[in-house]
């Protein structure tokens, strides 16, 4: 039995590798890639050619001996890894390949086998772009590829293990994102102060909802001047900023922007 199985596998591999063999309408689209180098470019071409095919996609690498479901799944996994790799040669390395993702902080970069990957606690979320701009149109091309890639994988029983943010899926479904979708301290993305300030504002609105407009203004002003905002909302540890008030944080951000142009 074992010898028959091995013989069948050898025959199948021979058929997959031989472009002269034709055995009628195939149940699978067999694709042989030269290697795993330049994988994203190859994957985009593969999906462009096969995304509307109902046949199962099977991938084989010419410089590797294996084939079958395991190799095809490794193809999807490798493509997912490439989509989250740090693009050290790009203009926005911490936005990943093609500059698709919200910018990560250096501490949210993970290293594996000599390569660096984006590894935010919340997952990958698209980088904000102006609708209709060249950057937006460029990003849409790649997100369309990702959508077709994932649809193909799911239909065939495979997975694309790309760590996307839950808020990304909500946005795709056209849902309005809440303030909690903004980056928070510890998430590992640029803009954590904005998320902390939004949380602070939301809590103030709920806490003083019963006051009239004038009383709310007074209450808000008092809260922004209380010390300890940094420790509670920014999780500052080990430096004097943990005792800063919200007003001190805002003033420091203003000074930083005026001196360096970085908000």
Protein backbone atom coordinates (compact mmCIF):
# COMPACT_ATOMS: atom_id res chain seq x y z
CA UNK A 1 0.00 0.00 0.00
CA UNK A 2 2.79 2.37 0.94
CA UNK A 3 4.60 1.61 -2.32
CA UNK A 4 1.45 2.29 -4.33
CA UNK A 5 0.98 5.64 -2.60
CA UNK A 6 4.57 6.65 -3.27
CA UNK A 7 4.18 5.64 -6.91
CA UNK A 8 1.03 7.72 -7.22
CA UNK A 9 2.74 10.74 -5.68
CA UNK A 10 5.69 10.35 -8.07
CA UNK A 11 3.29 10.16 -11.02
CA UNK A 12 1.36 13.24 -9.83
CA UNK A 13 4.57 15.23 -9.41
CA UNK A 14 5.66 14.20 -12.89
CA UNK A 15 2.34 15.36 -14.34
CA UNK A 16 2.54 18.66 -12.50
CA UNK A 17 6.07 19.26 -13.76
CA UNK A 18 5.52 18.19 -17.37
CA UNK A 19 3.88 20.91 -19.55
CA UNK A 20 3.35 18.31 -22.33
CA UNK A 21 0.95 16.20 -20.29
CA UNK A 22 -2.79 16.80 -20.80
CA UNK A 23 -5.38 14.68 -19.01
CA UNK A 24 -8.59 16.62 -19.71
CA UNK A 25 -10.21 19.44 -17.73
CA UNK A 26 -8.24 19.88 -14.53
CA UNK A 27 -9.79 20.08 -11.09
CA UNK A 28 -6.85 22.25 -10.06
CA UNK A 29 -4.86 25.14 -11.42
CA UNK A 30 -1.24 23.96 -11.09
CA UNK A 31 1.27 26.79 -10.85
CA UNK A 32 5.01 26.24 -10.72
CA UNK A 33 6.98 29.18 -9.38
CA UNK A 34 10.73 29.33 -9.98
CA UNK A 35 11.53 30.01 -6.28
CA UNK A 36 10.40 31.90 -3.21
CA UNK A 37 12.39 35.01 -4.15
CA UNK A 38 10.34 37.98 -5.36
CA UNK A 39 7.36 36.09 -3.96
CA UNK A 40 4.92 39.01 -3.80
CA UNK A 41 5.41 39.85 -7.45
CA UNK A 42 4.88 36.21 -8.39
CA UNK A 43 1.83 35.92 -6.13
CA UNK A 44 0.20 39.00 -7.64
CA UNK A 45 0.63 37.49 -11.12
CA UNK A 46 -0.75 34.12 -9.97
CA UNK A 47 -3.86 35.69 -8.45
CA UNK A 48 -4.35 37.92 -11.49
CA UNK A 49 -4.46 34.81 -13.68
CA UNK A 50 -6.53 32.54 -11.43
CA UNK A 51 -8.78 34.66 -9.17
CA UNK A 52 -11.90 34.04 -11.29
CA UNK A 53 -11.20 30.31 -11.77
CA UNK A 54 -13.30 27.83 -9.79
CA UNK A 55 -10.52 25.27 -9.90
CA UNK A 56 -8.43 24.77 -6.80
CA UNK A 57 -5.07 26.53 -6.85
CA UNK A 58 -2.04 24.32 -6.21
CA UNK A 59 1.42 25.85 -6.04
CA UNK A 60 4.76 24.15 -6.55
CA UNK A 61 8.25 25.64 -6.36
CA UNK A 62 10.66 24.52 -9.05
CA UNK A 63 13.66 24.55 -6.71
CA UNK A 64 11.91 22.48 -4.04
CA UNK A 65 10.96 18.82 -4.10
CA UNK A 66 7.61 18.97 -2.35
CA UNK A 67 4.14 19.59 -3.72
CA UNK A 68 0.52 19.25 -2.62
CA UNK A 69 -1.60 20.94 0.07
CA UNK A 70 1.34 21.50 2.41
CA UNK A 71 3.33 23.43 -0.19
CA UNK A 72 0.27 25.42 -1.27
CA UNK A 73 -0.44 26.40 2.34
CA UNK A 74 3.20 27.39 2.77
CA UNK A 75 2.76 29.64 -0.28
CA UNK A 76 -0.14 31.48 1.37
CA UNK A 77 1.74 31.71 4.67
CA UNK A 78 4.86 33.05 2.99
CA UNK A 79 2.86 35.68 1.09
CA UNK A 80 1.23 36.79 4.37
CA UNK A 81 4.67 37.15 5.94
CA UNK A 82 5.89 39.23 3.00
CA UNK A 83 2.91 41.56 3.37
CA UNK A 84 3.92 42.34 6.96
CA UNK A 85 7.69 42.59 6.46
CA UNK A 86 9.55 45.81 7.30
CA UNK A 87 10.46 47.45 3.99
CA UNK A 88 14.00 48.55 4.85
CA UNK A 89 14.53 49.93 1.34
CA UNK A 90 11.26 51.88 1.17
CA UNK A 91 10.45 55.49 2.03
CA UNK A 92 8.21 54.33 4.89
CA UNK A 93 9.89 51.18 6.22
CA UNK A 94 7.66 50.91 9.30
CA UNK A 95 4.55 51.06 7.11
CA UNK A 96 5.51 47.75 5.54
CA UNK A 97 5.82 46.75 1.92
CA UNK A 98 4.05 49.14 -0.47
CA UNK A 99 3.52 51.53 2.50
CA UNK A 100 0.09 49.99 3.15
CA UNK A 101 -0.07 49.89 6.94
CA UNK A 102 -0.37 52.47 9.70
CA UNK A 103 3.13 53.35 10.80
CA UNK A 104 4.52 51.15 13.56
CA UNK A 105 6.84 52.17 16.37
CA UNK A 106 10.28 50.50 16.53
CA UNK A 107 9.28 48.51 19.63
CA UNK A 108 6.49 46.78 17.68
CA UNK A 109 8.90 45.24 15.19
CA UNK A 110 9.62 41.52 15.63
CA UNK A 111 12.64 39.73 14.19
CA UNK A 112 12.53 36.18 12.84
CA UNK A 113 15.27 34.36 10.98
CA UNK A 114 17.14 37.55 10.25
CA UNK A 115 14.13 39.49 8.91
CA UNK A 116 11.96 42.10 10.59
CA UNK A 117 8.16 42.08 10.65
CA UNK A 118 5.46 44.50 11.79
CA UNK A 119 3.91 43.11 14.95
CA UNK A 120 1.49 45.61 16.49
CA UNK A 121 -0.57 44.40 19.43
CA UNK A 122 -3.77 45.30 17.59
CA UNK A 123 -2.78 43.96 14.21
CA UNK A 124 -2.33 45.67 10.86
CA UNK A 125 -4.54 48.61 9.92
CA UNK A 126 -4.38 50.54 6.62
CA UNK A 127 -2.42 53.78 6.53
CA UNK A 128 -4.75 56.77 6.11
CA UNK A 129 -4.63 58.19 2.58
CA UNK A 130 -6.53 60.91 0.75
CA UNK A 131 -9.32 59.26 -1.33
CA UNK A 132 -8.60 59.52 -5.04
CA UNK A 133 -4.94 60.43 -4.53
CA UNK A 134 -2.19 58.50 -6.36
CA UNK A 135 -1.20 56.90 -3.07
CA UNK A 136 -4.78 55.78 -2.45
CA UNK A 137 -5.16 54.34 -5.94
CA UNK A 138 -1.84 52.53 -5.53
CA UNK A 139 -2.96 51.05 -2.20
CA UNK A 140 -6.32 49.94 -3.64
CA UNK A 141 -4.53 47.84 -6.26
CA UNK A 142 -2.67 45.92 -3.56
CA UNK A 143 -5.68 45.58 -1.25
CA UNK A 144 -7.66 44.17 -4.18
CA UNK A 145 -4.91 41.59 -4.63
CA UNK A 146 -5.12 40.74 -0.92
CA UNK A 147 -8.87 40.33 -1.07
CA UNK A 148 -8.67 38.00 -4.05
CA UNK A 149 -5.80 36.07 -2.44
CA UNK A 150 -7.80 35.49 0.75
CA UNK A 151 -10.99 34.62 -1.12
CA UNK A 152 -9.07 32.07 -3.18
CA UNK A 153 -7.47 30.56 -0.09
CA UNK A 154 -10.72 30.31 1.89
CA UNK A 155 -12.61 28.78 -1.02
CA UNK A 156 -9.91 26.11 -1.39
CA UNK A 157 -9.69 25.40 2.35
CA UNK A 158 -6.47 27.29 3.09
CA UNK A 159 -5.71 30.29 5.31
CA UNK A 160 -3.72 33.48 4.84
CA UNK A 161 -2.33 34.18 8.34
CA UNK A 162 -2.05 37.95 8.00
CA UNK A 163 -2.58 39.61 11.42
CA UNK A 164 -5.20 42.20 10.46
CA UNK A 165 -6.87 44.48 13.00
CA UNK A 166 -10.50 43.72 13.88
CA UNK A 167 -11.27 47.37 13.11
CA UNK A 168 -10.00 46.79 9.57
CA UNK A 169 -12.80 44.29 8.96
CA UNK A 170 -15.35 46.71 10.47
CA UNK A 171 -14.13 49.40 8.09
CA UNK A 172 -14.39 47.03 5.10
CA UNK A 173 -18.01 46.34 6.07
CA UNK A 174 -18.72 50.09 6.01
CA UNK A 175 -19.20 50.43 9.74
CA UNK A 176 -18.42 53.70 11.54
CA UNK A 177 -15.32 53.17 13.65
CA UNK A 178 -15.51 54.16 17.34
CA UNK A 179 -12.90 56.24 19.14
CA UNK A 180 -11.51 53.00 20.55
CA UNK A 181 -10.25 52.22 17.03
CA UNK A 182 -7.57 54.89 17.44
CA UNK A 183 -4.12 53.67 18.57
CA UNK A 184 -3.69 53.45 22.34
CA UNK A 185 -0.48 53.45 24.37
CA UNK A 186 1.05 50.01 24.12
CA UNK A 187 -0.44 49.24 20.70
CA UNK A 188 2.87 49.98 19.00
CA UNK A 189 1.55 52.37 16.35
CA UNK A 190 2.17 56.05 15.67
CA UNK A 191 -0.63 58.23 17.07
CA UNK A 192 -0.97 56.70 20.53
CA UNK A 193 -1.33 60.15 22.12
CA UNK A 194 -4.33 60.89 19.87
CA UNK A 195 -6.01 57.69 21.02
CA UNK A 196 -5.30 58.44 24.68
CA UNK A 197 -6.67 61.99 24.28
CA UNK A 198 -9.81 60.62 22.60
CA UNK A 199 -10.34 58.19 25.49
CA UNK A 200 -9.90 61.05 27.96
CA UNK A 201 -12.41 63.25 26.09
CA UNK A 202 -14.95 60.43 25.91
CA UNK A 203 -14.69 59.78 29.64
CA UNK A 204 -15.11 63.49 30.41
CA UNK A 205 -18.24 63.70 28.27
CA UNK A 206 -19.82 60.75 30.04
CA UNK A 207 -18.77 61.87 33.52
CA UNK A 208 -20.10 65.40 33.22
CA UNK A 209 -23.05 64.77 30.91
CA UNK A 210 -25.53 66.06 33.50
CA UNK A 211 -23.96 69.51 33.85
CA UNK A 212 -24.98 72.58 31.90
CA UNK A 213 -22.64 73.95 29.24
CA UNK A 214 -20.90 76.52 31.45
CA UNK A 215 -20.34 74.08 34.30
CA UNK A 216 -18.95 71.48 31.89
CA UNK A 217 -16.36 73.94 30.58
CA UNK A 218 -15.16 74.61 34.13
CA UNK A 219 -15.06 70.88 34.96
CA UNK A 220 -13.16 70.07 31.77
CA UNK A 221 -10.57 72.75 32.47
CA UNK A 222 -9.99 71.46 35.99
CA UNK A 223 -9.57 67.89 34.76
CA UNK A 224 -7.02 68.84 32.13
CA UNK A 225 -4.84 70.47 34.78
CA UNK A 226 -4.82 67.57 37.25
CA UNK A 227 -1.46 65.76 37.57
CA UNK A 228 -1.11 62.06 36.85
CA UNK A 229 -2.69 62.07 33.38
CA UNK A 230 0.47 60.60 31.86
CA UNK A 231 0.47 57.58 34.16
CA UNK A 232 -3.25 56.90 33.76
CA UNK A 233 -3.63 57.40 30.01
CA UNK A 234 -0.14 57.26 28.50
CA UNK A 235 1.18 54.54 30.82
CA UNK A 236 4.30 56.58 31.43
CA UNK A 237 6.71 54.75 33.73
CA UNK A 238 10.10 55.68 35.10
CA UNK A 239 10.18 59.35 34.07
CA UNK A 240 8.65 62.64 35.14
CA UNK A 241 6.00 62.58 32.41
CA UNK A 242 3.89 60.13 34.46
CA UNK A 243 2.88 63.03 36.70
CA UNK A 244 2.15 65.40 33.83
CA UNK A 245 -1.33 66.76 33.36
CA UNK A 246 -3.12 66.61 30.02
CA UNK A 247 -2.37 70.31 29.53
CA UNK A 248 1.37 69.69 30.00
CA UNK A 249 1.27 66.92 27.41
CA UNK A 250 -0.46 69.17 24.88
CA UNK A 251 2.03 71.98 25.50
CA UNK A 252 4.95 69.55 25.08
CA UNK A 253 3.49 68.27 21.79
CA UNK A 254 3.19 71.86 20.55
CA UNK A 255 6.80 72.61 21.41
CA UNK A 256 7.99 69.40 19.73
CA UNK A 257 6.08 70.23 16.57
CA UNK A 258 7.43 73.79 16.40
CA UNK A 259 11.00 72.64 16.94
CA UNK A 260 11.08 69.55 14.75
CA UNK A 261 7.96 69.58 12.61
CA UNK A 262 7.02 66.18 14.02
CA UNK A 263 3.68 65.98 15.80
